[in-house]
C-alpha atoms as a PDB file:
ATOM      1  CA  MET A   1      10.279  46.311  32.054  1.00  0.00           C
ATOM      2  CA  GLY A   2      11.543  42.750  32.674  1.00  0.00           C
ATOM      3  CA  HIS A   3      13.055  40.508  30.165  1.00  0.00           C
ATOM      4  CA  ARG A   4       9.812  38.502  29.592  1.00  0.00           C
ATOM      5  CA  GLY A   5       7.882  41.580  29.195  1.00  0.00           C
ATOM      6  CA  TRP A   6      10.323  43.086  26.660  1.00  0.00           C
ATOM      7  CA  LEU A   7      10.136  39.765  24.535  1.00  0.00           C
ATOM      8  CA  LEU A   8       6.379  39.894  24.698  1.00  0.00           C
ATOM      9  CA  GLY A   9       6.250  43.459  23.759  1.00  0.00           C
ATOM     10  CA  ASN A  10       8.766  42.912  20.893  1.00  0.00           C
ATOM     11  CA  ALA A  11       6.598  40.010  19.545  1.00  0.00           C
ATOM     12  CA  VAL A  12       3.462  42.062  19.613  1.00  0.00           C
ATOM     13  CA  TRP A  13       5.492  44.913  17.966  1.00  0.00           C
ATOM     14  CA  LEU A  14       6.563  42.509  15.097  1.00  0.00           C
ATOM     15  CA  GLN A  15       2.845  41.615  14.477  1.00  0.00           C
ATOM     16  CA  ALA A  16       1.518  45.133  14.629  1.00  0.00           C
ATOM     17  CA  GLY A  17       4.456  46.367  12.516  1.00  0.00           C
ATOM     18  CA  TRP A  18       3.806  43.770   9.875  1.00  0.00           C
ATOM     19  CA  TRP A  19       0.178  44.908   9.618  1.00  0.00           C
ATOM     20  CA  LEU A  20       0.845  48.467   9.614  1.00  0.00           C
ATOM     21  CA  CYS A  21       3.572  48.212   6.863  1.00  0.00           C
ATOM     22  CA  VAL A  22       1.480  45.969   4.632  1.00  0.00           C
ATOM     23  CA  LEU A  23      -1.734  48.062   5.115  1.00  0.00           C
ATOM     24  CA  GLY A  24       0.368  51.193   4.789  1.00  0.00           C
ATOM     25  CA  ALA A  25       0.859  50.287   1.109  1.00  0.00           C
ATOM     26  CA  GLU A  26      -2.680  51.556   0.459  1.00  0.00           C
ATOM     27  CA  ARG A  27      -2.821  53.943   3.468  1.00  0.00           C
ATOM     28  CA  PRO A  28       0.441  55.675   3.731  1.00  0.00           C
ATOM     29  CA  TRP A  29      -0.337  57.483   6.966  1.00  0.00           C
ATOM     30  CA  LEU A  30      -0.036  54.153   8.719  1.00  0.00           C
ATOM     31  CA  LEU A  31       3.708  54.203   7.920  1.00  0.00           C
ATOM     32  CA  ALA A  32       4.205  57.096  10.319  1.00  0.00           C
ATOM     33  CA  LEU A  33       3.160  54.718  13.092  1.00  0.00           C
ATOM     34  CA  VAL A  34       5.750  52.340  12.006  1.00  0.00           C
ATOM     35  CA  VAL A  35       8.449  55.061  12.170  1.00  0.00           C
ATOM     36  CA  ALA A  36       7.199  55.893  15.496  1.00  0.00           C
ATOM     37  CA  GLY A  37       7.346  52.258  16.653  1.00  0.00           C
ATOM     38  CA  LEU A  38      10.760  51.753  15.305  1.00  0.00           C
ATOM     39  CA  ALA A  39      11.985  54.878  17.113  1.00  0.00           C
ATOM     40  CA  LEU A  40      10.595  53.676  20.412  1.00  0.00           C
ATOM     41  CA  HIS A  41      12.178  50.239  19.869  1.00  0.00           C
ATOM     42  CA  LEU A  42      15.525  51.886  19.377  1.00  0.00           C
ATOM     43  CA  ARG A  43      15.022  54.030  22.437  1.00  0.00           C
ATOM     44  CA  LEU A  44      14.363  51.008  24.449  1.00  0.00           C
ATOM     45  CA  ALA A  45      16.650  48.503  22.929  1.00  0.00           C
ATOM     46  CA  PRO A  46      20.158  47.581  24.044  1.00  0.00           C
ATOM     47  CA  ASP A  47      23.304  49.143  22.465  1.00  0.00           C
ATOM     48  CA  GLY A  48      24.121  48.226  18.940  1.00  0.00           C
ATOM     49  CA  GLU A  49      20.503  47.792  17.890  1.00  0.00           C
ATOM     50  CA  LEU A  50      20.685  50.377  15.140  1.00  0.00           C
ATOM     51  CA  ARG A  51      23.540  48.688  13.541  1.00  0.00           C
ATOM     52  CA  VAL A  52      21.606  45.395  13.431  1.00  0.00           C
ATOM     53  CA  LEU A  53      18.592  46.938  12.142  1.00  0.00           C
ATOM     54  CA  LEU A  54      20.415  48.753   9.285  1.00  0.00           C
ATOM     55  CA  GLY A  55      22.416  45.631   8.430  1.00  0.00           C
ATOM     56  CA  VAL A  56      19.542  43.187   8.196  1.00  0.00           C
ATOM     57  CA  ALA A  57      17.197  45.641   6.550  1.00  0.00           C
ATOM     58  CA  LEU A  58      19.786  46.626   3.861  1.00  0.00           C
ATOM     59  CA  ALA A  59      20.372  42.972   2.998  1.00  0.00           C
ATOM     60  CA  GLY A  60      16.648  42.309   2.909  1.00  0.00           C
ATOM     61  CA  CYS A  61      16.013  45.302   0.683  1.00  0.00           C
ATOM     62  CA  VAL A  62      18.732  44.122  -1.697  1.00  0.00           C
ATOM     63  CA  LEU A  63      17.199  40.702  -1.798  1.00  0.00           C
ATOM     64  CA  ASP A  64      13.761  41.972  -2.436  1.00  0.00           C
ATOM     65  CA  SER A  65      14.842  44.558  -5.067  1.00  0.00           C
ATOM     66  CA  THR A  66      16.811  41.778  -6.758  1.00  0.00           C
ATOM     67  CA  LEU A  67      13.691  39.567  -6.771  1.00  0.00           C
ATOM     68  CA  GLY A  68      11.794  42.365  -8.189  1.00  0.00           C
ATOM     69  CA  LEU A  69      14.356  43.070 -10.903  1.00  0.00           C
ATOM     70  CA  LEU A  70      14.213  39.278 -11.770  1.00  0.00           C
ATOM     71  CA  GLY A  71      10.499  39.447 -12.170  1.00  0.00           C
ATOM     72  CA  VAL A  72       9.384  37.628  -9.010  1.00  0.00           C
ATOM     73  CA  PHE A  73       7.593  40.636  -7.692  1.00  0.00           C
ATOM     74  CA  ALA A  74       6.209  43.615  -9.720  1.00  0.00           C
ATOM     75  CA  PHE A  75       6.485  46.646  -7.325  1.00  0.00           C
ATOM     76  CA  SER A  76       4.868  50.046  -8.133  1.00  0.00           C
ATOM     77  CA  GLN A  77       7.963  51.849  -6.969  1.00  0.00           C
ATOM     78  CA  TRP A  78      11.634  51.236  -7.951  1.00  0.00           C
ATOM     79  CA  PRO A  79      13.647  49.561  -6.368  1.00  0.00           C
ATOM     80  CA  LEU A  80      11.021  48.703  -3.800  1.00  0.00           C
ATOM     81  CA  PRO A  81       8.179  50.472  -2.043  1.00  0.00           C
ATOM     82  CA  ALA A  82       8.759  52.308   1.317  1.00  0.00           C
ATOM     83  CA  TRP A  83       6.328  50.068   3.130  1.00  0.00           C
ATOM     84  CA  LEU A  84       8.563  47.030   2.309  1.00  0.00           C
ATOM     85  CA  ALA A  85      11.767  48.807   3.314  1.00  0.00           C
ATOM     86  CA  LEU A  86      10.120  49.578   6.657  1.00  0.00           C
ATOM     87  CA  LEU A  87       8.862  46.028   6.923  1.00  0.00           C
ATOM     88  CA  TRP A  88      12.549  44.868   6.794  1.00  0.00           C
ATOM     89  CA  LEU A  89      13.313  47.152   9.617  1.00  0.00           C
ATOM     90  CA  VAL A  90      10.425  45.777  11.613  1.00  0.00           C
ATOM     91  CA  LEU A  91      11.575  42.279  11.040  1.00  0.00           C
ATOM     92  CA  ALA A  92      15.202  43.169  11.934  1.00  0.00           C
ATOM     93  CA  SER A  93      13.945  44.598  15.228  1.00  0.00           C
ATOM     94  CA  GLY A  94      12.962  41.196  16.525  1.00  0.00           C
ATOM     95  CA  MET A  95      16.130  39.391  15.518  1.00  0.00           C
ATOM     96  CA  ARG A  96      17.995  39.830  18.780  1.00  0.00           C
ATOM     97  CA  HIS A  97      14.808  39.685  20.881  1.00  0.00           C
ATOM     98  CA  SER A  98      11.565  37.722  20.302  1.00  0.00           C
ATOM     99  CA  LEU A  99      12.939  35.844  17.253  1.00  0.00           C
ATOM    100  CA  ALA A 100      16.427  35.076  18.729  1.00  0.00           C
ATOM    101  CA  TRP A 101      15.232  31.716  19.883  1.00  0.00           C
ATOM    102  CA  LEU A 102      15.016  30.578  16.211  1.00  0.00           C
ATOM    103  CA  GLY A 103      18.783  30.843  15.929  1.00  0.00           C
ATOM    104  CA  GLN A 104      19.843  27.812  17.917  1.00  0.00           C
ATOM    105  CA  PRO A 105      19.788  25.115  16.816  1.00  0.00           C
ATOM    106  CA  LEU A 106      20.093  26.236  13.308  1.00  0.00           C
ATOM    107  CA  TRP A 107      17.413  23.887  11.980  1.00  0.00           C
ATOM    108  CA  ARG A 108      14.774  26.053  13.685  1.00  0.00           C
ATOM    109  CA  ALA A 109      15.754  29.077  11.562  1.00  0.00           C
ATOM    110  CA  VAL A 110      15.795  27.002   8.418  1.00  0.00           C
ATOM    111  CA  LEU A 111      12.485  25.432   9.028  1.00  0.00           C
ATOM    112  CA  ALA A 112      10.840  28.771  10.081  1.00  0.00           C
ATOM    113  CA  GLY A 113      12.175  30.439   6.953  1.00  0.00           C
ATOM    114  CA  LEU A 114      11.199  27.553   4.761  1.00  0.00           C
ATOM    115  CA  LEU A 115       7.595  27.396   6.053  1.00  0.00           C
ATOM    116  CA  GLY A 116       7.037  30.977   7.307  1.00  0.00           C
ATOM    117  CA  GLY A 117       8.675  33.231   4.703  1.00  0.00           C
ATOM    118  CA  PRO A 118       6.520  32.328   1.739  1.00  0.00           C
ATOM    119  CA  PRO A 119       3.178  32.547   3.453  1.00  0.00           C
ATOM    120  CA  ALA A 120       4.166  35.978   4.802  1.00  0.00           C
ATOM    121  CA  TYR A 121       5.222  37.234   1.454  1.00  0.00           C
ATOM    122  CA  LEU A 122       2.025  35.902  -0.298  1.00  0.00           C
ATOM    123  CA  ALA A 123      -0.256  37.405   2.318  1.00  0.00           C
ATOM    124  CA  GLY A 124       1.699  40.797   2.157  1.00  0.00           C
ATOM    125  CA  ALA A 125       1.578  40.872  -1.481  1.00  0.00           C
ATOM    126  CA  ARG A 126      -2.066  40.287  -1.514  1.00  0.00           C
ATOM    127  CA  LEU A 127      -2.939  42.904   0.990  1.00  0.00           C
ATOM    128  CA  ALA A 128      -0.486  45.412  -0.412  1.00  0.00           C
ATOM    129  CA  GLY A 129      -1.386  44.818  -4.137  1.00  0.00           C
ATOM    130  CA  VAL A 130       1.910  43.600  -5.112  1.00  0.00           C
ATOM    131  CA  GLU A 131       1.728  41.485  -8.371  1.00  0.00           C
ATOM    132  CA  LEU A 132       3.287  38.075  -8.590  1.00  0.00           C
ATOM    133  CA  PRO A 133       4.211  37.339 -12.128  1.00  0.00           C
ATOM    134  CA  LEU A 134       5.149  33.703 -11.296  1.00  0.00           C
ATOM    135  CA  GLY A 135       1.764  33.098  -9.571  1.00  0.00           C
ATOM    136  CA  ALA A 136       1.268  32.334  -5.924  1.00  0.00           C
ATOM    137  CA  LEU A 137       2.641  28.753  -6.153  1.00  0.00           C
ATOM    138  CA  GLY A 138       5.653  29.568  -8.235  1.00  0.00           C
ATOM    139  CA  THR A 139       6.522  32.442  -6.071  1.00  0.00           C
ATOM    140  CA  ALA A 140       6.201  30.337  -2.904  1.00  0.00           C
ATOM    141  CA  LEU A 141       8.356  27.570  -4.310  1.00  0.00           C
ATOM    142  CA  LEU A 142      11.038  30.018  -5.266  1.00  0.00           C
ATOM    143  CA  LEU A 143      10.953  31.865  -1.889  1.00  0.00           C
ATOM    144  CA  ALA A 144      10.945  28.715   0.263  1.00  0.00           C
ATOM    145  CA  PRO A 145      14.707  27.816  -0.181  1.00  0.00           C
ATOM    146  CA  ILE A 146      15.759  31.621  -0.297  1.00  0.00           C
ATOM    147  CA  TRP A 147      14.113  32.035   3.094  1.00  0.00           C
ATOM    148  CA  ALA A 148      15.535  28.793   4.480  1.00  0.00           C
ATOM    149  CA  LEU A 149      18.845  30.533   3.971  1.00  0.00           C
ATOM    150  CA  ALA A 150      18.053  34.136   4.539  1.00  0.00           C
ATOM    151  CA  LEU A 151      16.477  33.866   7.958  1.00  0.00           C
ATOM    152  CA  PRO A 152      19.349  31.802   9.558  1.00  0.00           C
ATOM    153  CA  LEU A 153      21.791  34.235   7.974  1.00  0.00           C
ATOM    154  CA  ALA A 154      19.926  37.271   9.341  1.00  0.00           C
ATOM    155  CA  LEU A 155      19.717  35.712  12.881  1.00  0.00           C
ATOM    156  CA  ARG A 156      23.520  35.118  12.777  1.00  0.00           C
ATOM    157  CA  VAL A 157      24.300  38.701  11.669  1.00  0.00           C
ATOM    158  CA  ALA A 158      21.952  40.010  14.473  1.00  0.00           C
ATOM    159  CA  ALA A 159      23.439  37.821  17.057  1.00  0.00           C
ATOM    160  CA  ARG A 160      26.985  39.176  16.313  1.00  0.00           C
ATOM    161  CA  GLY A 161      25.506  42.664  16.616  1.00  0.00           C
END
């Protein structure tokens, strides 16, 4: 598979993986497809991919668990649901591939995090049945600056692999 094919496939995987994770909150059998997709990604990806996936996903899980403890999210499982941990792995699987272009210049990642992070969370929360004690607007306003920092940092960590 050529480089463009790999990037396109990775972008499709990110979208499919997001949907499978979020819908997997109510239909857990879908999460098996996510695990299979991640295994395929790791099989096809260049060296060092597992380290990137685990590093970014661990940081993301700590972030979301902390936000849950602070009352921004009300998860049904503690510290966070399996579908959300898998979603962090899916997101991490694009950091060195279809999302890498966001890393340079830095403002792209800041803008993408600022404008893209909150709507993704709000849509995911709605579909997965996650309560937002601060309401949609309060949650979005809190998440925007967090994601304006988190996405560039995740891309930098991934780039260093």
